[in-house]
Protein backbone atom coordinates (compact mmCIF):
# COMPACT_ATOMS: atom_id res chain seq x y z
CA UNK A 1 0.00 0.00 0.00
CA UNK A 2 1.11 3.53 -0.70
CA UNK A 3 1.73 5.79 2.28
CA UNK A 4 1.33 9.53 2.68
CA UNK A 5 5.10 9.76 3.33
CA UNK A 6 5.82 8.15 -0.04
CA UNK A 7 3.50 10.57 -1.80
CA UNK A 8 5.09 13.55 -0.06
CA UNK A 9 8.60 12.31 -0.92
CA UNK A 10 7.51 11.81 -4.54
CA UNK A 11 6.08 15.33 -4.70
CA UNK A 12 9.27 16.72 -3.18
CA UNK A 13 11.48 14.93 -5.71
CA UNK A 14 9.28 16.06 -8.60
CA UNK A 15 9.37 19.67 -7.37
CA UNK A 16 13.16 19.56 -7.02
CA UNK A 17 13.54 18.16 -10.54
CA UNK A 18 11.24 20.83 -11.97
CA UNK A 19 13.17 23.59 -10.22
CA UNK A 20 16.45 22.17 -11.53
CA UNK A 21 15.04 21.99 -15.06
CA UNK A 22 14.19 25.70 -14.89
CA UNK A 23 17.72 26.53 -13.69
CA UNK A 24 19.33 24.35 -16.34
CA UNK A 25 17.17 25.78 -19.09
CA UNK A 26 17.94 29.34 -18.05
CA UNK A 27 21.69 28.69 -17.89
CA UNK A 28 21.62 27.12 -21.36
CA UNK A 29 19.52 29.92 -22.81
CA UNK A 30 21.83 32.56 -21.32
CA UNK A 31 24.95 30.83 -22.66
CA UNK A 32 23.40 30.55 -26.10
CA UNK A 33 22.08 34.11 -26.16
CA UNK A 34 25.43 35.56 -25.15
CA UNK A 35 27.89 33.29 -26.92
CA UNK A 36 26.28 31.58 -29.95
CA UNK A 37 28.33 33.83 -32.25
CA UNK A 38 31.67 32.83 -30.66
CA UNK A 39 33.79 30.55 -32.85
CA UNK A 40 36.08 27.70 -31.78
CA UNK A 41 38.82 26.04 -33.79
CA UNK A 42 38.89 22.27 -33.81
CA UNK A 43 40.30 19.44 -35.86
CA UNK A 44 38.03 17.11 -37.80
CA UNK A 45 39.24 14.47 -40.23
CA UNK A 46 42.73 15.91 -39.98
CA UNK A 47 41.60 19.40 -40.95
CA UNK A 48 41.34 22.45 -38.74
CA UNK A 49 37.89 24.02 -38.92
CA UNK A 50 36.09 26.78 -37.12
CA UNK A 51 32.55 26.37 -35.78
CA UNK A 52 30.30 28.72 -33.84
CA UNK A 53 28.92 27.73 -30.47
CA UNK A 54 25.49 27.65 -32.08
CA UNK A 55 26.61 24.75 -34.29
CA UNK A 56 28.42 23.09 -31.38
CA UNK A 57 25.25 23.18 -29.23
CA UNK A 58 23.32 21.59 -32.08
CA UNK A 59 25.91 18.80 -32.24
CA UNK A 60 25.61 18.22 -28.50
CA UNK A 61 21.84 17.83 -28.77
CA UNK A 62 22.18 15.45 -31.68
CA UNK A 63 25.22 13.44 -30.56
CA UNK A 64 25.10 13.68 -26.76
CA UNK A 65 27.47 14.79 -24.05
CA UNK A 66 30.26 12.47 -25.17
CA UNK A 67 30.95 14.23 -28.47
CA UNK A 68 33.83 16.58 -29.27
CA UNK A 69 31.51 19.61 -29.29
CA UNK A 70 30.42 18.83 -25.73
CA UNK A 71 34.03 18.79 -24.58
CA UNK A 72 34.61 22.24 -26.03
CA UNK A 73 31.39 23.66 -24.63
CA UNK A 74 31.94 22.02 -21.23
CA UNK A 75 35.15 24.03 -20.91
CA UNK A 76 33.47 27.24 -22.06
CA UNK A 77 30.26 26.81 -20.03
CA UNK A 78 30.86 24.40 -17.13
CA UNK A 79 27.85 25.75 -15.22
CA UNK A 80 25.48 24.52 -17.93
CA UNK A 81 26.89 21.00 -17.85
CA UNK A 82 26.99 20.95 -14.04
CA UNK A 83 23.29 21.88 -14.03
CA UNK A 84 22.52 19.07 -16.50
CA UNK A 85 24.54 16.64 -14.38
CA UNK A 86 22.55 17.64 -11.28
CA UNK A 87 19.29 17.26 -13.20
CA UNK A 88 20.34 13.77 -14.33
CA UNK A 89 21.27 12.76 -10.75
CA UNK A 90 17.84 13.87 -9.56
CA UNK A 91 16.18 11.84 -12.32
CA UNK A 92 18.17 8.76 -11.26
CA UNK A 93 17.15 9.36 -7.64
CA UNK A 94 13.49 9.61 -8.69
CA UNK A 95 13.74 6.40 -10.69
CA UNK A 96 15.33 4.54 -7.76
CA UNK A 97 12.66 5.88 -5.41
CA UNK A 98 9.74 4.86 -7.60
CA UNK A 99 11.17 1.39 -8.13
CA UNK A 100 12.01 0.76 -4.48
CA UNK A 101 9.04 2.48 -2.82
CA UNK A 102 6.26 2.21 -5.38
CA UNK A 103 7.37 -0.97 -7.15
CA UNK A 104 7.39 0.57 -10.62
CA UNK A 105 9.68 2.42 -12.99
CA UNK A 106 7.95 5.71 -13.71
CA UNK A 107 9.79 6.05 -17.02
CA UNK A 108 8.41 2.75 -18.34
CA UNK A 109 4.99 2.45 -16.74
CA UNK A 110 2.53 -0.05 -18.07
CA UNK A 111 -1.23 0.11 -17.90
CA UNK A 112 -1.07 -2.37 -15.01
CA UNK A 113 1.29 0.01 -13.17
CA UNK A 114 -1.18 2.88 -13.60
CA UNK A 115 -4.03 0.69 -12.30
CA UNK A 116 -1.97 -0.44 -9.30
CA UNK A 117 -0.91 3.12 -8.52
CA UNK A 118 -4.50 4.36 -8.76
CA UNK A 119 -5.74 1.55 -6.51
CA UNK A 120 -2.96 2.27 -4.00
CA UNK A 121 -3.79 5.95 -3.83
CA UNK A 122 -7.51 5.21 -3.59
CA UNK A 123 -6.86 2.79 -0.71
CA UNK A 124 -4.79 5.41 1.07
CA UNK A 125 -7.50 8.04 0.67
CA UNK A 126 -10.15 5.64 1.95
CA UNK A 127 -7.99 4.78 4.96
CA UNK A 128 -7.43 8.48 5.70
CA UNK A 129 -11.16 9.18 5.32
CA UNK A 130 -12.08 6.35 7.69
CA UNK A 131 -9.51 7.57 10.24
CA UNK A 132 -10.94 11.07 10.01
CA UNK A 133 -14.49 9.80 10.54
CA UNK A 134 -13.53 7.76 13.60
C-alpha atoms as a PDB file:
ATOM      1  CA  UNK A   1       0.000   0.000   0.000  1.00  0.00           C
ATOM      2  CA  UNK A   2       1.111   3.527  -0.704  1.00  0.00           C
ATOM      3  CA  UNK A   3       1.730   5.789   2.282  1.00  0.00           C
ATOM      4  CA  UNK A   4       1.331   9.534   2.678  1.00  0.00           C
ATOM      5  CA  UNK A   5       5.097   9.765   3.333  1.00  0.00           C
ATOM      6  CA  UNK A   6       5.818   8.149  -0.041  1.00  0.00           C
ATOM      7  CA  UNK A   7       3.499  10.569  -1.796  1.00  0.00           C
ATOM      8  CA  UNK A   8       5.093  13.553  -0.063  1.00  0.00           C
ATOM      9  CA  UNK A   9       8.602  12.306  -0.922  1.00  0.00           C
ATOM     10  CA  UNK A  10       7.514  11.807  -4.539  1.00  0.00           C
ATOM     11  CA  UNK A  11       6.084  15.334  -4.698  1.00  0.00           C
ATOM     12  CA  UNK A  12       9.273  16.719  -3.175  1.00  0.00           C
ATOM     13  CA  UNK A  13      11.479  14.928  -5.708  1.00  0.00           C
ATOM     14  CA  UNK A  14       9.279  16.062  -8.603  1.00  0.00           C
ATOM     15  CA  UNK A  15       9.368  19.671  -7.373  1.00  0.00           C
ATOM     16  CA  UNK A  16      13.156  19.558  -7.019  1.00  0.00           C
ATOM     17  CA  UNK A  17      13.536  18.163 -10.544  1.00  0.00           C
ATOM     18  CA  UNK A  18      11.235  20.832 -11.973  1.00  0.00           C
ATOM     19  CA  UNK A  19      13.169  23.591 -10.222  1.00  0.00           C
ATOM     20  CA  UNK A  20      16.452  22.168 -11.527  1.00  0.00           C
ATOM     21  CA  UNK A  21      15.039  21.991 -15.063  1.00  0.00           C
ATOM     22  CA  UNK A  22      14.195  25.697 -14.887  1.00  0.00           C
ATOM     23  CA  UNK A  23      17.717  26.534 -13.686  1.00  0.00           C
ATOM     24  CA  UNK A  24      19.328  24.345 -16.339  1.00  0.00           C
ATOM     25  CA  UNK A  25      17.173  25.782 -19.088  1.00  0.00           C
ATOM     26  CA  UNK A  26      17.940  29.342 -18.049  1.00  0.00           C
ATOM     27  CA  UNK A  27      21.687  28.690 -17.892  1.00  0.00           C
ATOM     28  CA  UNK A  28      21.622  27.120 -21.357  1.00  0.00           C
ATOM     29  CA  UNK A  29      19.515  29.922 -22.811  1.00  0.00           C
ATOM     30  CA  UNK A  30      21.831  32.556 -21.318  1.00  0.00           C
ATOM     31  CA  UNK A  31      24.950  30.833 -22.663  1.00  0.00           C
ATOM     32  CA  UNK A  32      23.398  30.547 -26.100  1.00  0.00           C
ATOM     33  CA  UNK A  33      22.079  34.112 -26.164  1.00  0.00           C
ATOM     34  CA  UNK A  34      25.428  35.557 -25.149  1.00  0.00           C
ATOM     35  CA  UNK A  35      27.890  33.285 -26.921  1.00  0.00           C
ATOM     36  CA  UNK A  36      26.276  31.580 -29.945  1.00  0.00           C
ATOM     37  CA  UNK A  37      28.331  33.827 -32.250  1.00  0.00           C
ATOM     38  CA  UNK A  38      31.675  32.832 -30.659  1.00  0.00           C
ATOM     39  CA  UNK A  39      33.793  30.551 -32.849  1.00  0.00           C
ATOM     40  CA  UNK A  40      36.075  27.702 -31.779  1.00  0.00           C
ATOM     41  CA  UNK A  41      38.823  26.043 -33.794  1.00  0.00           C
ATOM     42  CA  UNK A  42      38.894  22.271 -33.805  1.00  0.00           C
ATOM     43  CA  UNK A  43      40.300  19.441 -35.864  1.00  0.00           C
ATOM     44  CA  UNK A  44      38.030  17.114 -37.801  1.00  0.00           C
ATOM     45  CA  UNK A  45      39.238  14.468 -40.225  1.00  0.00           C
ATOM     46  CA  UNK A  46      42.734  15.914 -39.978  1.00  0.00           C
ATOM     47  CA  UNK A  47      41.605  19.398 -40.952  1.00  0.00           C
ATOM     48  CA  UNK A  48      41.342  22.445 -38.744  1.00  0.00           C
ATOM     49  CA  UNK A  49      37.894  24.015 -38.919  1.00  0.00           C
ATOM     50  CA  UNK A  50      36.091  26.783 -37.118  1.00  0.00           C
ATOM     51  CA  UNK A  51      32.550  26.372 -35.779  1.00  0.00           C
ATOM     52  CA  UNK A  52      30.301  28.724 -33.841  1.00  0.00           C
ATOM     53  CA  UNK A  53      28.921  27.729 -30.475  1.00  0.00           C
ATOM     54  CA  UNK A  54      25.490  27.653 -32.082  1.00  0.00           C
ATOM     55  CA  UNK A  55      26.613  24.755 -34.290  1.00  0.00           C
ATOM     56  CA  UNK A  56      28.422  23.091 -31.375  1.00  0.00           C
ATOM     57  CA  UNK A  57      25.253  23.181 -29.235  1.00  0.00           C
ATOM     58  CA  UNK A  58      23.315  21.587 -32.079  1.00  0.00           C
ATOM     59  CA  UNK A  59      25.907  18.805 -32.241  1.00  0.00           C
ATOM     60  CA  UNK A  60      25.606  18.218 -28.495  1.00  0.00           C
ATOM     61  CA  UNK A  61      21.840  17.834 -28.769  1.00  0.00           C
ATOM     62  CA  UNK A  62      22.180  15.445 -31.683  1.00  0.00           C
ATOM     63  CA  UNK A  63      25.222  13.440 -30.556  1.00  0.00           C
ATOM     64  CA  UNK A  64      25.097  13.683 -26.764  1.00  0.00           C
ATOM     65  CA  UNK A  65      27.467  14.788 -24.054  1.00  0.00           C
ATOM     66  CA  UNK A  66      30.263  12.473 -25.171  1.00  0.00           C
ATOM     67  CA  UNK A  67      30.952  14.234 -28.473  1.00  0.00           C
ATOM     68  CA  UNK A  68      33.825  16.581 -29.273  1.00  0.00           C
ATOM     69  CA  UNK A  69      31.508  19.605 -29.288  1.00  0.00           C
ATOM     70  CA  UNK A  70      30.415  18.833 -25.730  1.00  0.00           C
ATOM     71  CA  UNK A  71      34.032  18.785 -24.583  1.00  0.00           C
ATOM     72  CA  UNK A  72      34.607  22.237 -26.025  1.00  0.00           C
ATOM     73  CA  UNK A  73      31.387  23.661 -24.626  1.00  0.00           C
ATOM     74  CA  UNK A  74      31.940  22.016 -21.232  1.00  0.00           C
ATOM     75  CA  UNK A  75      35.152  24.032 -20.910  1.00  0.00           C
ATOM     76  CA  UNK A  76      33.474  27.242 -22.063  1.00  0.00           C
ATOM     77  CA  UNK A  77      30.259  26.813 -20.026  1.00  0.00           C
ATOM     78  CA  UNK A  78      30.864  24.402 -17.129  1.00  0.00           C
ATOM     79  CA  UNK A  79      27.849  25.748 -15.217  1.00  0.00           C
ATOM     80  CA  UNK A  80      25.478  24.517 -17.930  1.00  0.00           C
ATOM     81  CA  UNK A  81      26.885  21.002 -17.850  1.00  0.00           C
ATOM     82  CA  UNK A  82      26.985  20.954 -14.036  1.00  0.00           C
ATOM     83  CA  UNK A  83      23.291  21.875 -14.028  1.00  0.00           C
ATOM     84  CA  UNK A  84      22.523  19.075 -16.505  1.00  0.00           C
ATOM     85  CA  UNK A  85      24.537  16.640 -14.377  1.00  0.00           C
ATOM     86  CA  UNK A  86      22.552  17.642 -11.284  1.00  0.00           C
ATOM     87  CA  UNK A  87      19.291  17.256 -13.202  1.00  0.00           C
ATOM     88  CA  UNK A  88      20.338  13.771 -14.326  1.00  0.00           C
ATOM     89  CA  UNK A  89      21.274  12.758 -10.755  1.00  0.00           C
ATOM     90  CA  UNK A  90      17.836  13.865  -9.557  1.00  0.00           C
ATOM     91  CA  UNK A  91      16.182  11.837 -12.323  1.00  0.00           C
ATOM     92  CA  UNK A  92      18.167   8.758 -11.263  1.00  0.00           C
ATOM     93  CA  UNK A  93      17.154   9.364  -7.641  1.00  0.00           C
ATOM     94  CA  UNK A  94      13.487   9.612  -8.689  1.00  0.00           C
ATOM     95  CA  UNK A  95      13.737   6.401 -10.686  1.00  0.00           C
ATOM     96  CA  UNK A  96      15.328   4.537  -7.756  1.00  0.00           C
ATOM     97  CA  UNK A  97      12.659   5.884  -5.411  1.00  0.00           C
ATOM     98  CA  UNK A  98       9.742   4.864  -7.600  1.00  0.00           C
ATOM     99  CA  UNK A  99      11.173   1.392  -8.135  1.00  0.00           C
ATOM    100  CA  UNK A 100      12.008   0.765  -4.484  1.00  0.00           C
ATOM    101  CA  UNK A 101       9.045   2.479  -2.816  1.00  0.00           C
ATOM    102  CA  UNK A 102       6.257   2.210  -5.384  1.00  0.00           C
ATOM    103  CA  UNK A 103       7.368  -0.965  -7.150  1.00  0.00           C
ATOM    104  CA  UNK A 104       7.388   0.574 -10.620  1.00  0.00           C
ATOM    105  CA  UNK A 105       9.682   2.424 -12.990  1.00  0.00           C
ATOM    106  CA  UNK A 106       7.950   5.706 -13.714  1.00  0.00           C
ATOM    107  CA  UNK A 107       9.791   6.053 -17.019  1.00  0.00           C
ATOM    108  CA  UNK A 108       8.413   2.748 -18.336  1.00  0.00           C
ATOM    109  CA  UNK A 109       4.986   2.448 -16.737  1.00  0.00           C
ATOM    110  CA  UNK A 110       2.529  -0.055 -18.070  1.00  0.00           C
ATOM    111  CA  UNK A 111      -1.231   0.105 -17.904  1.00  0.00           C
ATOM    112  CA  UNK A 112      -1.070  -2.372 -15.013  1.00  0.00           C
ATOM    113  CA  UNK A 113       1.287   0.006 -13.173  1.00  0.00           C
ATOM    114  CA  UNK A 114      -1.183   2.875 -13.596  1.00  0.00           C
ATOM    115  CA  UNK A 115      -4.029   0.694 -12.302  1.00  0.00           C
ATOM    116  CA  UNK A 116      -1.970  -0.444  -9.301  1.00  0.00           C
ATOM    117  CA  UNK A 117      -0.913   3.119  -8.522  1.00  0.00           C
ATOM    118  CA  UNK A 118      -4.495   4.356  -8.757  1.00  0.00           C
ATOM    119  CA  UNK A 119      -5.735   1.553  -6.513  1.00  0.00           C
ATOM    120  CA  UNK A 120      -2.961   2.269  -4.000  1.00  0.00           C
ATOM    121  CA  UNK A 121      -3.790   5.953  -3.833  1.00  0.00           C
ATOM    122  CA  UNK A 122      -7.508   5.210  -3.589  1.00  0.00           C
ATOM    123  CA  UNK A 123      -6.864   2.785  -0.713  1.00  0.00           C
ATOM    124  CA  UNK A 124      -4.787   5.413   1.072  1.00  0.00           C
ATOM    125  CA  UNK A 125      -7.495   8.039   0.666  1.00  0.00           C
ATOM    126  CA  UNK A 126     -10.148   5.641   1.950  1.00  0.00           C
ATOM    127  CA  UNK A 127      -7.994   4.783   4.961  1.00  0.00           C
ATOM    128  CA  UNK A 128      -7.430   8.482   5.698  1.00  0.00           C
ATOM    129  CA  UNK A 129     -11.160   9.177   5.321  1.00  0.00           C
ATOM    130  CA  UNK A 130     -12.076   6.353   7.693  1.00  0.00           C
ATOM    131  CA  UNK A 131      -9.509   7.565  10.243  1.00  0.00           C
ATOM    132  CA  UNK A 132     -10.938  11.069  10.012  1.00  0.00           C
ATOM    133  CA  UNK A 133     -14.487   9.805  10.544  1.00  0.00           C
ATOM    134  CA  UNK A 134     -13.534   7.757  13.596  1.00  0.00           C
END
